[in-house]
C-alpha atoms as a PDB file:
ATOM      1  CA  ASP A   1      16.319 135.056 134.555  1.00  0.00           C
ATOM      2  CA  ALA A   2      16.059 131.787 132.629  1.00  0.00           C
ATOM      3  CA  GLU A   3      13.762 130.110 135.125  1.00  0.00           C
ATOM      4  CA  LEU A   4      11.236 132.932 135.023  1.00  0.00           C
ATOM      5  CA  SER A   5      11.245 133.066 131.223  1.00  0.00           C
ATOM      6  CA  ALA A   6      10.703 129.293 131.080  1.00  0.00           C
ATOM      7  CA  GLN A   7       7.702 129.618 133.396  1.00  0.00           C
ATOM      8  CA  LEU A   8       6.279 132.505 131.385  1.00  0.00           C
ATOM      9  CA  SER A   9       6.726 130.698 128.071  1.00  0.00           C
ATOM     10  CA  ARG A  10       5.034 127.632 129.541  1.00  0.00           C
ATOM     11  CA  ARG A  11       2.140 129.800 130.719  1.00  0.00           C
ATOM     12  CA  LEU A  12       1.813 131.250 127.187  1.00  0.00           C
ATOM     13  CA  ASP A  13       1.841 127.732 125.724  1.00  0.00           C
ATOM     14  CA  ILE A  14      -0.886 126.703 128.168  1.00  0.00           C
ATOM     15  CA  ASN A  15      -2.990 129.708 127.163  1.00  0.00           C
ATOM     16  CA  GLU A  16      -2.562 128.798 123.485  1.00  0.00           C
ATOM     17  CA  GLY A  17      -3.356 125.152 124.174  1.00  0.00           C
ATOM     18  CA  ALA A  18       0.003 123.904 122.932  1.00  0.00           C
ATOM     19  CA  ALA A  19       1.523 122.920 126.260  1.00  0.00           C
ATOM     20  CA  ARG A  20       2.043 119.306 127.105  1.00  0.00           C
ATOM     21  CA  PRO A  21       0.752 118.330 130.543  1.00  0.00           C
ATOM     22  CA  ARG A  22       3.240 117.983 133.346  1.00  0.00           C
ATOM     23  CA  ARG A  23       3.442 114.621 134.970  1.00  0.00           C
ATOM     24  CA  CYS A  24       3.569 114.706 138.692  1.00  0.00           C
ATOM     25  CA  ARG A  25       6.042 112.133 139.951  1.00  0.00           C
ATOM     26  CA  VAL A  26       5.595 111.058 143.537  1.00  0.00           C
ATOM     27  CA  PHE A  27       8.632 109.744 145.380  1.00  0.00           C
ATOM     28  CA  ASN A  28       7.916 107.202 148.090  1.00  0.00           C
ATOM     29  CA  PRO A  29      11.131 106.168 149.854  1.00  0.00           C
ATOM     30  CA  TYR A  30       9.483 103.147 151.469  1.00  0.00           C
ATOM     31  CA  THR A  31       8.690 101.533 148.113  1.00  0.00           C
ATOM     32  CA  GLU A  32      11.844 102.848 146.455  1.00  0.00           C
ATOM     33  CA  PHE A  33      14.118 101.266 149.080  1.00  0.00           C
ATOM     34  CA  PRO A  34      12.400  98.118 150.376  1.00  0.00           C
ATOM     35  CA  GLU A  35      15.687  96.843 151.805  1.00  0.00           C
ATOM     36  CA  PHE A  36      15.592  99.546 154.507  1.00  0.00           C
ATOM     37  CA  SER A  37      13.199  99.545 157.440  1.00  0.00           C
ATOM     38  CA  ARG A  38      10.660 102.333 157.846  1.00  0.00           C
ATOM     39  CA  ARG A  39      12.329 103.469 161.050  1.00  0.00           C
ATOM     40  CA  LEU A  40      15.744 103.669 159.361  1.00  0.00           C
ATOM     41  CA  ILE A  41      14.310 105.690 156.473  1.00  0.00           C
ATOM     42  CA  LYS A  42      12.636 108.119 158.886  1.00  0.00           C
ATOM     43  CA  ASP A  43      15.893 108.523 160.828  1.00  0.00           C
ATOM     44  CA  LEU A  44      17.860 109.117 157.632  1.00  0.00           C
ATOM     45  CA  GLU A  45      15.293 111.635 156.375  1.00  0.00           C
ATOM     46  CA  SER A  46      15.430 113.601 159.625  1.00  0.00           C
ATOM     47  CA  MET A  47      19.237 113.553 159.518  1.00  0.00           C
ATOM     48  CA  PHE A  48      19.190 114.758 155.903  1.00  0.00           C
ATOM     49  CA  LYS A  49      16.754 117.560 156.721  1.00  0.00           C
ATOM     50  CA  LEU A  50      19.042 118.609 159.563  1.00  0.00           C
ATOM     51  CA  TYR A  51      21.983 119.112 157.185  1.00  0.00           C
ATOM     52  CA  ASP A  52      20.088 120.334 154.102  1.00  0.00           C
ATOM     53  CA  ALA A  53      21.025 124.002 154.460  1.00  0.00           C
ATOM     54  CA  GLY A  54      19.353 125.241 151.258  1.00  0.00           C
ATOM     55  CA  ARG A  55      16.162 123.178 151.769  1.00  0.00           C
ATOM     56  CA  ASP A  56      16.486 122.116 148.137  1.00  0.00           C
ATOM     57  CA  GLY A  57      16.907 118.396 148.732  1.00  0.00           C
ATOM     58  CA  PHE A  58      20.613 118.489 148.003  1.00  0.00           C
ATOM     59  CA  LEU A  59      23.490 118.694 150.451  1.00  0.00           C
ATOM     60  CA  LEU A  60      25.704 121.763 150.194  1.00  0.00           C
ATOM     61  CA  ILE A  61      28.899 119.699 149.982  1.00  0.00           C
ATOM     62  CA  PHE A  62      27.897 118.296 146.583  1.00  0.00           C
ATOM     63  CA  HIS A  63      26.905 121.751 145.291  1.00  0.00           C
ATOM     64  CA  LYS A  64      30.314 123.087 146.266  1.00  0.00           C
ATOM     65  CA  ALA A  65      32.116 120.073 144.811  1.00  0.00           C
ATOM     66  CA  ALA A  66      30.298 120.446 141.494  1.00  0.00           C
ATOM     67  CA  ALA A  67      31.091 124.161 141.413  1.00  0.00           C
ATOM     68  CA  GLY A  68      34.751 123.491 142.240  1.00  0.00           C
ATOM     69  CA  GLU A  69      34.638 125.529 145.440  1.00  0.00           C
ATOM     70  CA  LEU A  70      36.099 122.815 147.690  1.00  0.00           C
ATOM     71  CA  GLN A  71      39.828 122.627 148.282  1.00  0.00           C
ATOM     72  CA  GLU A  72      41.434 119.502 146.836  1.00  0.00           C
ATOM     73  CA  ASP A  73      43.130 118.514 150.101  1.00  0.00           C
ATOM     74  CA  SER A  74      40.068 119.052 152.289  1.00  0.00           C
ATOM     75  CA  GLY A  75      38.232 116.186 153.900  1.00  0.00           C
ATOM     76  CA  LEU A  76      34.974 117.418 152.380  1.00  0.00           C
ATOM     77  CA  MET A  77      36.376 116.944 148.880  1.00  0.00           C
ATOM     78  CA  ALA A  78      37.354 113.383 149.789  1.00  0.00           C
ATOM     79  CA  LEU A  79      33.839 112.827 151.141  1.00  0.00           C
ATOM     80  CA  ALA A  80      32.283 114.216 147.971  1.00  0.00           C
ATOM     81  CA  LYS A  81      34.371 111.816 145.875  1.00  0.00           C
ATOM     82  CA  LEU A  82      33.472 108.791 148.011  1.00  0.00           C
ATOM     83  CA  SER A  83      30.481 107.872 145.887  1.00  0.00           C
ATOM     84  CA  GLU A  84      32.554 107.079 142.801  1.00  0.00           C
ATOM     85  CA  ILE A  85      35.989 105.752 141.910  1.00  0.00           C
ATOM     86  CA  ASN A  86      38.161 105.848 138.811  1.00  0.00           C
ATOM     87  CA  VAL A  87      40.008 102.521 138.711  1.00  0.00           C
ATOM     88  CA  ALA A  88      42.434 103.755 136.053  1.00  0.00           C
ATOM     89  CA  LEU A  89      43.449 106.596 138.345  1.00  0.00           C
ATOM     90  CA  GLU A  90      43.310 104.846 141.718  1.00  0.00           C
ATOM     91  CA  GLY A  91      44.460 101.407 140.672  1.00  0.00           C
ATOM     92  CA  VAL A  92      43.157  98.039 141.756  1.00  0.00           C
ATOM     93  CA  LYS A  93      44.168  98.487 145.404  1.00  0.00           C
ATOM     94  CA  GLY A  94      42.336 101.787 145.583  1.00  0.00           C
ATOM     95  CA  ALA A  95      39.232 100.175 144.101  1.00  0.00           C
ATOM     96  CA  LYS A  96      39.567  97.309 146.575  1.00  0.00           C
ATOM     97  CA  ASN A  97      39.683  99.774 149.480  1.00  0.00           C
ATOM     98  CA  PHE A  98      36.716 101.660 148.040  1.00  0.00           C
ATOM     99  CA  PHE A  99      34.558  98.550 147.773  1.00  0.00           C
ATOM    100  CA  GLU A 100      35.628  97.331 151.214  1.00  0.00           C
ATOM    101  CA  ALA A 101      34.511 100.677 152.638  1.00  0.00           C
ATOM    102  CA  LYS A 102      31.178 100.341 150.818  1.00  0.00           C
ATOM    103  CA  VAL A 103      30.691  96.815 152.213  1.00  0.00           C
ATOM    104  CA  GLN A 104      31.508  98.064 155.700  1.00  0.00           C
ATOM    105  CA  ALA A 105      28.971 100.885 155.352  1.00  0.00           C
ATOM    106  CA  LEU A 106      26.318  98.393 154.235  1.00  0.00           C
ATOM    107  CA  SER A 107      27.105  96.103 157.159  1.00  0.00           C
ATOM    108  CA  LEU A 108      26.691  99.054 159.534  1.00  0.00           C
ATOM    109  CA  ALA A 109      23.237  99.647 158.053  1.00  0.00           C
ATOM    110  CA  SER A 110      22.443  95.958 158.549  1.00  0.00           C
ATOM    111  CA  LYS A 111      23.658  96.203 162.139  1.00  0.00           C
ATOM    112  CA  PHE A 112      21.356  99.181 162.680  1.00  0.00           C
ATOM    113  CA  GLU A 113      18.426  97.240 161.238  1.00  0.00           C
ATOM    114  CA  ALA A 114      19.240  94.290 163.508  1.00  0.00           C
ATOM    115  CA  GLU A 115      19.219  96.635 166.504  1.00  0.00           C
ATOM    116  CA  LEU A 116      15.819  97.983 165.464  1.00  0.00           C
ATOM    117  CA  LYS A 117      14.492  94.439 165.076  1.00  0.00           C
ATOM    118  CA  ALA A 118      15.841  93.549 168.532  1.00  0.00           C
ATOM    119  CA  GLU A 119      14.082  96.603 170.005  1.00  0.00           C
ATOM    120  CA  GLN A 120      10.814  95.562 168.362  1.00  0.00           C
ATOM    121  CA  ASP A 121      11.176  91.993 169.638  1.00  0.00           C
ATOM    122  CA  GLU A 122      11.896  93.286 173.149  1.00  0.00           C
ATOM    123  CA  ARG A 123       8.825  95.519 173.006  1.00  0.00           C
ATOM    124  CA  LYS A 124       6.664  92.583 171.862  1.00  0.00           C
ATOM    125  CA  ARG A 125       8.066  90.373 174.621  1.00  0.00           C
ATOM    126  CA  GLU A 126       7.372  93.034 177.275  1.00  0.00           C
ATOM    127  CA  GLU A 127       3.838  93.477 175.940  1.00  0.00           C
ATOM    128  CA  GLU A 128       3.271  89.704 176.100  1.00  0.00           C
ATOM    129  CA  GLU A 129       4.595  89.576 179.687  1.00  0.00           C
ATOM    130  CA  ARG A 130       2.311  92.462 180.667  1.00  0.00           C
ATOM    131  CA  ARG A 131      -0.671  90.716 179.078  1.00  0.00           C
ATOM    132  CA  LEU A 132       0.123  87.483 180.954  1.00  0.00           C
ATOM    133  CA  ARG A 133       0.460  89.354 184.274  1.00  0.00           C
ATOM    134  CA  GLN A 134      -2.889  91.044 183.695  1.00  0.00           C
ATOM    135  CA  ALA A 135      -4.524  87.702 182.886  1.00  0.00           C
ATOM    136  CA  ALA A 136      -3.067  86.156 186.066  1.00  0.00           C
ATOM    137  CA  PHE A 137      -4.302  89.129 188.089  1.00  0.00           C
ATOM    138  CA  GLN A 138      -7.796  88.857 186.589  1.00  0.00           C
ATOM    139  CA  GLU A 139      -7.811  85.149 187.453  1.00  0.00           C
ATOM    140  CA  LEU A 140      -6.834  85.866 191.073  1.00  0.00           C
ATOM    141  CA  LYS A 141      -9.408  88.627 191.239  1.00  0.00           C
ATOM    142  CA  ALA A 142     -12.089  86.225 189.984  1.00  0.00           C
ATOM    143  CA  ASN A 143     -11.094  83.678 192.678  1.00  0.00           C
ATOM    144  CA  PHE A 144     -11.495  86.264 195.449  1.00  0.00           C
ATOM    145  CA  SER A 145     -14.766  87.688 194.167  1.00  0.00           C
ATOM    146  CA  THR A 146     -16.572  84.313 194.261  1.00  0.00           C
END
């Protein structure tokens, strides 16, 4: 097993003092993608975890596509190829359709963010109304207690 031998050779290098230190790289999606809201990122992460069958951080469809296990006429193969386009093969119209689909997907994300913003605004407005009602009640209560 190549992975095991690599780990063992690294351990031997560490024991001999010749190993270079590993750098731990932390991935923070909130700083990596500032254009997305925190709520959207959390929703996307939960959706990804739902479909990540191998728990390896990679969707099975792309593993199968890379291994050539998907049928050419299947919808999954078309989905796997959605992230890239060969203009020489598809032509200008195909590229146009590809980019229009990408723009539409981005506008859907913007629509989702707008909905989240509207929910937050509604929550703030309800909180403000509740605070005003409580203040009015406290004022009436003060009038009756004197």
